[in-house]
Amino acid sequence: MSAIALELIRHRVRIGAPLAFAIRAQDDTLLLAAGQSVSSPSQLQQMIDRDARVALDDLLGSAEQLRQAPREVVPLLWREGLSRVNEALLHAPHHAFRSALEDASEPVMTLVERDPDLAIFQVLRHDAGADLAYGVQRALNTAITASLVAQRLAWSAVDVSRAFKVALTSNLSMLVLQGELARQRTPLTPAQAHQLQDHPLRSAAQLEAAGVADADWLHAVRAHHEMEDGTGYPRGLSGRDVGDLASLVRRADVYTSKLAARSHREALSADIAGRQMFMSDPGHPMTAALVKEFGVYPPGCQVRLADGSSGWVVQRGPTVTTPVVARMTEPDGRPLRQPQRVDTSDGAHRIVAVLGQRMVNAEATADKLLLMTLR
């Protein structure tokens, strides 16, 4: 069970008030259960001195706890949240699938809302979900993207949540196949082509069998590969019959697929992926919102600066071309011991090129980069 030190969230403990989480010793012995209270400051300090722990599952159970969690533990919360979604999807469908999906989705959606820059960083960083199945990682990236664009479009909270879950479950029936195709260098077999063609209908059927009764959710899953001009599949719907939810999820899926590497092609850089989206779908408000949300240099993008140094974009800036960068190398290519935040509106540090994934040669942990992403 993943846990964090009580010391990191001691500000969440009110003396004499019921605890929102259990406190355990290093060997997992229960010290205080949720609902019990710490009787005095000295008792709290004694538990901290014993390196007492709080399970991340407890913190993931409350949206308010996630919003107030110390920035130092947010990378851990992201990993735990993504892991829970991974488990929910890989064991689907089952009779408790809907509740498991809701329980796993809510923390991730709260983390997306807490800091959109960090959410975008998760989508762009190809190793951010290294422990996740390929199909699940693709679903999560699409879900994060769809929910961010829905927020930019000023959709209601209910529809933002629904967009996240539609994107997360649209490929439910082909999660394993997605991983196989990502590694495959030969053309599709007839059986694979058939699975691809009807997967929207099979995914919706699996959701219905698992107890999902939301008509809008199910329709969007069935229609997430339909096109407004009638050239999509599996039913050739057109115009308003496709629906906004399906249209948004399709665009989010197309964009994030461009960012994902496969055995037969490299991932596209974010600036090229955004340009291709805009050129193929000019003037559509959903595509415009997506391109604006991610920008030219989104968090997670690797760049070279005017002075020759290189680093990661960690935060969007005042304009789409002036993000905050964590500089990882010296101008001569030598790695820095610690990432350095730089303002790219400064001429010496302006961005001059986007680098491919894993092109920055420097020692830095993912957590250090994630913490630099946080405001």
Protein backbone atom coordinates (compact mmCIF):
# COMPACT_ATOMS: atom_id res chain seq x y z
CA MET A 1 0.00 0.00 0.00
CA SER A 2 1.45 3.37 -0.99
CA ALA A 3 1.70 5.89 1.83
CA ILE A 4 3.19 9.27 2.69
CA ALA A 5 4.75 10.59 5.87
CA LEU A 6 2.36 12.14 8.38
CA GLU A 7 4.85 15.00 8.67
CA LEU A 8 3.91 16.15 5.16
CA ILE A 9 0.24 16.59 6.03
CA ARG A 10 0.46 17.51 9.71
CA HIS A 11 -1.37 20.75 8.89
CA ARG A 12 -4.40 18.61 8.07
CA VAL A 13 -4.60 17.28 11.64
CA ARG A 14 -6.73 19.32 14.03
CA ILE A 15 -6.19 18.46 17.66
CA GLY A 16 -9.37 16.96 19.13
CA ALA A 17 -11.20 16.79 15.78
CA PRO A 18 -12.08 13.52 13.97
CA LEU A 19 -9.42 12.41 11.52
CA ALA A 20 -10.36 12.10 7.84
CA PHE A 21 -7.76 9.35 7.42
CA ALA A 22 -6.11 6.55 9.39
CA ILE A 23 -2.60 6.94 10.78
CA ARG A 24 -0.32 3.91 10.74
CA ALA A 25 3.18 3.02 11.93
CA GLN A 26 5.92 2.06 9.49
CA ASP A 27 5.05 -1.65 9.89
CA ASP A 28 1.41 -0.83 9.01
CA THR A 29 0.21 -1.12 12.61
CA LEU A 30 -2.88 1.04 13.05
CA LEU A 31 -2.17 3.94 15.41
CA LEU A 32 -5.40 5.90 14.95
CA ALA A 33 -8.38 5.02 12.77
CA ALA A 34 -10.26 7.50 10.62
CA GLY A 35 -12.84 9.21 12.84
CA GLN A 36 -10.64 9.08 15.92
CA SER A 37 -8.77 12.18 17.03
CA VAL A 38 -5.29 13.27 18.08
CA SER A 39 -5.58 14.33 21.71
CA SER A 40 -2.62 16.70 21.97
CA PRO A 41 0.23 18.32 20.03
CA SER A 42 2.66 16.05 21.85
CA GLN A 43 0.82 12.93 20.67
CA LEU A 44 0.97 14.23 17.09
CA GLN A 45 4.71 14.92 17.41
CA GLN A 46 5.32 11.46 18.87
CA MET A 47 3.67 9.82 15.86
CA ILE A 48 5.64 12.03 13.48
CA ASP A 49 8.86 11.10 15.30
CA ARG A 50 7.94 7.43 14.79
CA ASP A 51 7.64 8.14 11.04
CA ALA A 52 3.91 7.51 11.03
CA ARG A 53 2.22 7.15 7.64
CA VAL A 54 -1.06 7.91 5.91
CA ALA A 55 -2.28 5.72 3.04
CA LEU A 56 -2.59 7.50 -0.29
CA ASP A 57 -5.89 5.69 -0.80
CA ASP A 58 -7.27 7.68 2.13
CA LEU A 59 -6.17 10.97 0.59
CA LEU A 60 -7.55 9.98 -2.81
CA GLY A 61 -10.96 9.50 -1.27
CA SER A 62 -11.74 13.19 -0.90
CA ALA A 63 -11.64 15.87 -3.57
CA GLU A 64 -11.02 18.54 -0.97
CA GLN A 65 -8.08 16.59 0.46
CA LEU A 66 -6.61 16.34 -3.02
CA ARG A 67 -6.98 20.07 -3.61
CA GLN A 68 -5.22 20.87 -0.34
CA ALA A 69 -2.54 18.18 -0.40
CA PRO A 70 1.02 19.53 -0.12
CA ARG A 71 2.70 19.93 -3.47
CA GLU A 72 5.44 17.49 -2.41
CA VAL A 73 2.98 14.59 -2.41
CA VAL A 74 1.14 15.46 -5.64
CA PRO A 75 3.42 13.30 -7.86
CA LEU A 76 2.65 10.35 -5.59
CA LEU A 77 -1.06 11.11 -5.77
CA TRP A 78 -0.89 11.20 -9.56
CA ARG A 79 0.85 7.82 -9.68
CA GLU A 80 -1.63 6.28 -7.28
CA GLY A 81 -4.59 7.77 -9.13
CA LEU A 82 -3.39 6.57 -12.53
CA SER A 83 -2.69 3.13 -11.09
CA ARG A 84 -6.26 2.88 -9.80
CA VAL A 85 -7.67 3.76 -13.22
CA ASN A 86 -5.36 1.15 -14.75
CA GLU A 87 -6.73 -1.51 -12.39
CA ALA A 88 -10.35 -0.51 -12.99
CA LEU A 89 -10.04 -0.68 -16.78
CA LEU A 90 -7.91 -3.82 -17.06
CA HIS A 91 -10.33 -5.81 -14.90
CA ALA A 92 -13.41 -4.58 -16.77
CA PRO A 93 -16.13 -5.39 -17.34
CA HIS A 94 -17.43 -6.83 -14.07
CA HIS A 95 -20.51 -6.31 -11.94
CA ALA A 96 -18.90 -3.57 -9.84
CA PHE A 97 -17.16 -1.90 -12.78
CA ARG A 98 -19.13 1.33 -12.79
CA SER A 99 -18.51 2.05 -9.10
CA ALA A 100 -14.84 1.08 -9.48
CA LEU A 101 -14.51 3.41 -12.47
CA GLU A 102 -16.21 6.28 -10.64
CA ASP A 103 -13.98 5.78 -7.58
CA ALA A 104 -10.85 5.69 -9.75
CA SER A 105 -11.84 8.57 -12.05
CA GLU A 106 -12.81 11.17 -9.45
CA PRO A 107 -9.31 11.62 -7.97
CA VAL A 108 -7.70 11.98 -11.40
CA MET A 109 -10.32 14.51 -12.51
CA THR A 110 -9.71 16.48 -9.31
CA LEU A 111 -5.95 16.45 -9.97
CA VAL A 112 -6.59 17.68 -13.52
CA GLU A 113 -8.72 20.50 -12.15
CA ARG A 114 -6.13 21.32 -9.46
CA ASP A 115 -3.41 22.03 -12.00
CA PRO A 116 -4.05 21.81 -15.77
CA ASP A 117 -0.35 22.37 -16.55
CA LEU A 118 0.57 19.25 -14.60
CA ALA A 119 -2.24 17.34 -16.34
CA ILE A 120 -0.90 18.33 -19.76
CA PHE A 121 2.59 17.34 -18.58
CA GLN A 122 1.23 13.84 -17.88
CA VAL A 123 -0.09 13.61 -21.45
CA LEU A 124 3.14 14.78 -23.08
CA ARG A 125 5.60 12.83 -20.93
CA HIS A 126 5.91 9.44 -22.60
CA ASP A 127 7.22 7.78 -19.45
CA ALA A 128 4.66 9.33 -17.11
CA GLY A 129 2.53 6.19 -17.31
CA ALA A 130 5.33 3.67 -17.73
CA ASP A 131 3.61 1.18 -15.43
CA LEU A 132 0.29 1.42 -17.26
CA ALA A 133 -0.93 -0.79 -20.08
CA TYR A 134 -0.57 0.91 -23.47
CA GLY A 135 -4.33 0.99 -24.11
CA VAL A 136 -5.01 2.40 -20.65
CA GLN A 137 -2.36 5.09 -21.11
CA ARG A 138 -3.93 6.10 -24.41
CA ALA A 139 -7.37 6.20 -22.81
CA LEU A 140 -6.11 8.33 -19.92
CA ASN A 141 -4.33 10.77 -22.21
CA THR A 142 -7.49 11.15 -24.29
CA ALA A 143 -9.63 11.56 -21.17
CA ILE A 144 -7.37 14.24 -19.68
CA THR A 145 -7.29 16.08 -23.00
CA ALA A 146 -11.05 15.87 -23.52
CA SER A 147 -11.81 17.17 -20.04
CA LEU A 148 -9.37 20.10 -20.37
CA VAL A 149 -10.88 21.13 -23.70
CA ALA A 150 -14.41 20.74 -22.31
CA GLN A 151 -13.48 23.12 -19.49
CA ARG A 152 -12.06 25.62 -21.99
CA LEU A 153 -15.34 25.40 -23.92
CA ALA A 154 -17.18 26.25 -20.67
CA TRP A 155 -19.09 22.97 -20.52
CA SER A 156 -20.94 22.21 -17.30
CA ALA A 157 -19.16 20.23 -14.59
CA VAL A 158 -21.44 17.27 -15.34
CA ASP A 159 -20.51 17.28 -19.03
CA VAL A 160 -16.79 17.73 -18.29
CA SER A 161 -16.96 14.64 -16.08
CA ARG A 162 -18.94 12.76 -18.71
CA ALA A 163 -16.39 13.68 -21.40
CA PHE A 164 -13.62 12.27 -19.20
CA LYS A 165 -15.47 8.97 -18.70
CA VAL A 166 -16.52 8.64 -22.34
CA ALA A 167 -12.90 9.05 -23.43
CA LEU A 168 -11.74 6.62 -20.76
CA THR A 169 -14.13 3.85 -21.83
CA SER A 170 -14.57 4.29 -25.59
CA ASN A 171 -11.92 1.67 -26.36
CA LEU A 172 -12.82 -0.62 -23.47
CA SER A 173 -13.33 -3.58 -25.80
CA MET A 174 -9.93 -3.25 -27.49
CA LEU A 175 -7.45 -2.27 -24.77
CA VAL A 176 -5.35 -5.37 -25.36
CA LEU A 177 -5.56 -5.00 -29.15
CA GLN A 178 -4.28 -1.42 -28.91
CA GLY A 179 -1.11 -2.64 -27.25
CA GLU A 180 -0.67 -5.35 -29.88
CA LEU A 181 -1.12 -2.88 -32.75
CA ALA A 182 1.34 -0.41 -31.19
CA ARG A 183 4.03 -3.11 -31.43
CA GLN A 184 2.91 -4.60 -34.75
CA ARG A 185 4.79 -3.78 -37.96
CA THR A 186 2.66 -5.86 -40.34
CA PRO A 187 -0.69 -4.83 -41.88
CA LEU A 188 -3.93 -5.46 -39.99
CA THR A 189 -5.30 -8.96 -40.23
CA PRO A 190 -8.97 -9.32 -41.28
CA ALA A 191 -9.86 -10.21 -37.70
CA GLN A 192 -8.10 -7.13 -36.34
CA ALA A 193 -9.77 -4.91 -38.94
CA HIS A 194 -13.16 -6.27 -37.87
CA GLN A 195 -12.39 -5.64 -34.19
CA LEU A 196 -11.40 -2.06 -34.97
CA GLN A 197 -14.52 -1.45 -37.05
CA ASP A 198 -17.03 -2.54 -34.44
CA HIS A 199 -15.20 -1.72 -31.20
CA PRO A 200 -17.39 1.35 -30.46
CA LEU A 201 -20.49 -0.85 -30.40
CA ARG A 202 -18.81 -3.59 -28.37
CA SER A 203 -17.46 -1.08 -25.84
CA ALA A 204 -20.94 0.41 -25.35
CA ALA A 205 -22.39 -3.09 -24.93
CA GLN A 206 -19.79 -3.89 -22.26
CA LEU A 207 -20.65 -0.70 -20.41
CA GLU A 208 -24.36 -1.51 -20.51
CA ALA A 209 -23.67 -5.01 -19.21
CA ALA A 210 -21.67 -3.44 -16.35
CA GLY A 211 -24.64 -1.26 -15.35
CA VAL A 212 -23.94 2.02 -17.14
CA ALA A 213 -27.35 3.49 -18.02
CA ASP A 214 -26.36 7.05 -18.97
CA ALA A 215 -27.77 7.39 -22.51
CA ASP A 216 -25.46 10.29 -23.42
CA TRP A 217 -22.39 8.38 -22.25
CA LEU A 218 -23.37 5.25 -24.19
CA HIS A 219 -24.24 7.17 -27.37
CA ALA A 220 -20.93 9.02 -27.32
CA VAL A 221 -19.01 5.75 -26.95
CA ARG A 222 -20.89 4.28 -29.92
CA ALA A 223 -20.27 7.44 -31.99
CA HIS A 224 -16.70 8.40 -31.02
CA HIS A 225 -15.38 7.50 -34.49
CA GLU A 226 -18.27 9.05 -36.40
CA MET A 227 -17.67 12.21 -38.46
CA GLU A 228 -20.02 15.14 -39.01
CA ASP A 229 -19.70 14.63 -42.78
CA GLY A 230 -20.88 11.02 -42.57
CA THR A 231 -17.53 9.38 -43.39
CA GLY A 232 -16.92 7.89 -39.96
CA TYR A 233 -17.74 4.45 -38.55
CA PRO A 234 -19.34 2.12 -37.53
CA ARG A 235 -22.75 3.53 -38.56
CA GLY A 236 -21.93 6.47 -40.82
CA LEU A 237 -23.76 9.04 -38.68
CA SER A 238 -23.61 12.68 -39.71
CA GLY A 239 -24.36 16.20 -38.49
CA ARG A 240 -26.03 16.52 -35.11
CA ASP A 241 -26.59 12.77 -34.90
CA VAL A 242 -22.92 12.43 -33.94
CA GLY A 243 -23.24 14.67 -30.87
CA ASP A 244 -20.84 17.06 -29.16
CA LEU A 245 -19.49 14.51 -26.67
CA ALA A 246 -18.46 12.06 -29.37
CA SER A 247 -17.04 14.83 -31.54
CA LEU A 248 -14.89 16.16 -28.72
CA VAL A 249 -13.61 12.72 -27.71
CA ARG A 250 -12.75 11.88 -31.32
CA ARG A 251 -10.66 15.03 -31.67
CA ALA A 252 -8.93 14.42 -28.35
CA ASP A 253 -8.19 10.85 -29.43
CA VAL A 254 -6.77 11.94 -32.79
CA TYR A 255 -4.55 14.55 -31.14
CA THR A 256 -3.17 12.26 -28.43
CA SER A 257 -2.60 9.45 -30.95
CA LYS A 258 -0.26 11.81 -32.81
CA LEU A 259 1.72 12.24 -29.58
CA ALA A 260 2.04 8.47 -29.03
CA ALA A 261 4.92 6.49 -30.53
CA ARG A 262 4.34 3.14 -32.19
CA SER A 263 6.67 0.49 -33.55
CA HIS A 264 6.36 1.84 -37.09
CA ARG A 265 6.58 5.58 -36.34
CA GLU A 266 7.93 8.10 -33.87
CA ALA A 267 5.66 10.31 -31.82
CA LEU A 268 5.01 13.72 -33.30
CA SER A 269 6.18 16.76 -31.36
CA ALA A 270 3.37 18.81 -29.82
CA ASP A 271 3.83 21.77 -32.15
CA ILE A 272 3.54 19.59 -35.26
CA ALA A 273 0.59 17.63 -33.84
CA GLY A 274 -1.24 20.87 -33.08
CA ARG A 275 -0.49 22.27 -36.53
CA GLN A 276 -1.79 19.11 -38.21
CA MET A 277 -4.99 19.26 -36.14
CA PHE A 278 -5.58 22.87 -37.09
CA MET A 279 -4.87 22.30 -40.78
CA SER A 280 -7.14 19.24 -41.03
CA ASP A 281 -10.03 20.82 -39.15
CA PRO A 282 -9.79 24.61 -39.65
CA GLY A 283 -12.34 26.79 -37.96
CA HIS A 284 -13.98 24.15 -35.78
CA PRO A 285 -14.38 25.53 -32.23
CA MET A 286 -13.43 22.22 -30.58
CA THR A 287 -10.17 21.94 -32.50
CA ALA A 288 -9.43 25.62 -31.91
CA ALA A 289 -10.01 25.13 -28.17
CA LEU A 290 -7.75 22.06 -28.12
CA VAL A 291 -4.90 23.86 -29.88
CA LYS A 292 -5.26 26.87 -27.59
CA GLU A 293 -5.37 24.70 -24.46
CA PHE A 294 -2.15 22.88 -25.29
CA GLY A 295 -0.45 25.75 -27.11
CA VAL A 296 2.67 25.62 -29.22
CA TYR A 297 4.94 24.46 -26.38
CA PRO A 298 2.79 22.60 -23.84
CA PRO A 299 4.11 21.33 -20.48
CA GLY A 300 6.02 18.11 -21.08
CA CYS A 301 7.51 19.34 -24.36
CA GLN A 302 11.31 19.28 -24.69
CA VAL A 303 12.92 22.36 -26.17
CA ARG A 304 16.23 23.99 -27.05
CA LEU A 305 16.81 27.59 -25.98
CA ALA A 306 18.61 30.42 -27.76
CA ASP A 307 21.73 30.08 -25.60
CA GLY A 308 22.12 26.41 -26.62
CA SER A 309 20.79 24.90 -23.39
CA SER A 310 17.79 22.57 -23.36
CA GLY A 311 15.04 21.53 -21.00
CA TRP A 312 11.40 20.67 -20.38
CA VAL A 313 8.44 23.02 -20.59
CA VAL A 314 6.84 22.84 -17.15
CA GLN A 315 4.22 25.58 -17.22
CA ARG A 316 2.31 27.62 -19.77
CA GLY A 317 3.33 31.26 -19.86
CA PRO A 318 1.73 34.61 -20.64
CA THR A 319 1.72 33.80 -24.37
CA VAL A 320 1.67 30.53 -26.33
CA THR A 321 5.32 31.02 -27.29
CA THR A 322 6.74 31.99 -23.88
CA PRO A 323 6.21 29.10 -21.44
CA VAL A 324 8.23 28.44 -18.29
CA VAL A 325 11.02 25.93 -18.92
CA ALA A 326 12.99 23.75 -16.53
CA ARG A 327 16.47 24.12 -17.99
CA MET A 328 18.25 20.75 -17.75
CA THR A 329 21.59 21.37 -19.49
CA GLU A 330 24.24 24.02 -19.84
CA PRO A 331 24.65 25.66 -23.29
CA ASP A 332 27.51 23.22 -23.98
CA GLY A 333 25.26 20.23 -23.24
CA ARG A 334 26.58 19.41 -19.77
CA PRO A 335 23.74 18.32 -17.46
CA LEU A 336 22.78 20.59 -14.59
CA ARG A 337 22.71 19.06 -11.12
CA GLN A 338 19.28 20.57 -10.51
CA PRO A 339 16.68 21.82 -13.02
CA GLN A 340 16.54 25.63 -13.28
CA ARG A 341 13.30 27.47 -14.04
CA VAL A 342 13.72 30.08 -16.76
CA ASP A 343 11.38 32.62 -18.32
CA THR A 344 11.43 32.17 -22.09
CA SER A 345 10.19 35.70 -22.71
CA ASP A 346 13.83 36.65 -21.94
CA GLY A 347 15.63 36.78 -25.31
CA ALA A 348 18.58 34.67 -24.16
CA HIS A 349 16.20 31.91 -23.13
CA ARG A 350 13.69 32.11 -25.97
CA ILE A 351 12.73 28.78 -27.50
CA VAL A 352 14.35 28.07 -30.86
CA ALA A 353 13.49 24.40 -31.43
CA VAL A 354 11.34 21.52 -30.18
CA LEU A 355 13.29 18.35 -29.42
CA GLY A 356 12.16 14.76 -29.76
CA GLN A 357 11.27 12.73 -26.71
CA ARG A 358 14.17 11.80 -24.41
CA MET A 359 16.53 14.14 -26.24
CA VAL A 360 17.46 16.11 -23.13
CA ASN A 361 20.57 14.51 -21.66
CA ALA A 362 20.40 15.32 -17.97
CA GLU A 363 19.89 13.60 -14.64
CA ALA A 364 16.50 14.52 -13.19
CA THR A 365 13.78 12.51 -11.57
CA ALA A 366 10.22 12.66 -12.83
CA ASP A 367 9.11 13.93 -9.42
CA LYS A 368 11.47 16.91 -9.59
CA LEU A 369 10.01 17.87 -12.95
CA LEU A 370 6.47 17.36 -11.74
CA LEU A 371 7.08 19.58 -8.73
CA MET A 372 8.43 22.30 -11.02
CA THR A 373 5.21 22.03 -13.02
CA LEU A 374 3.11 22.85 -9.99
CA ARG A 375 2.32 26.50 -9.46
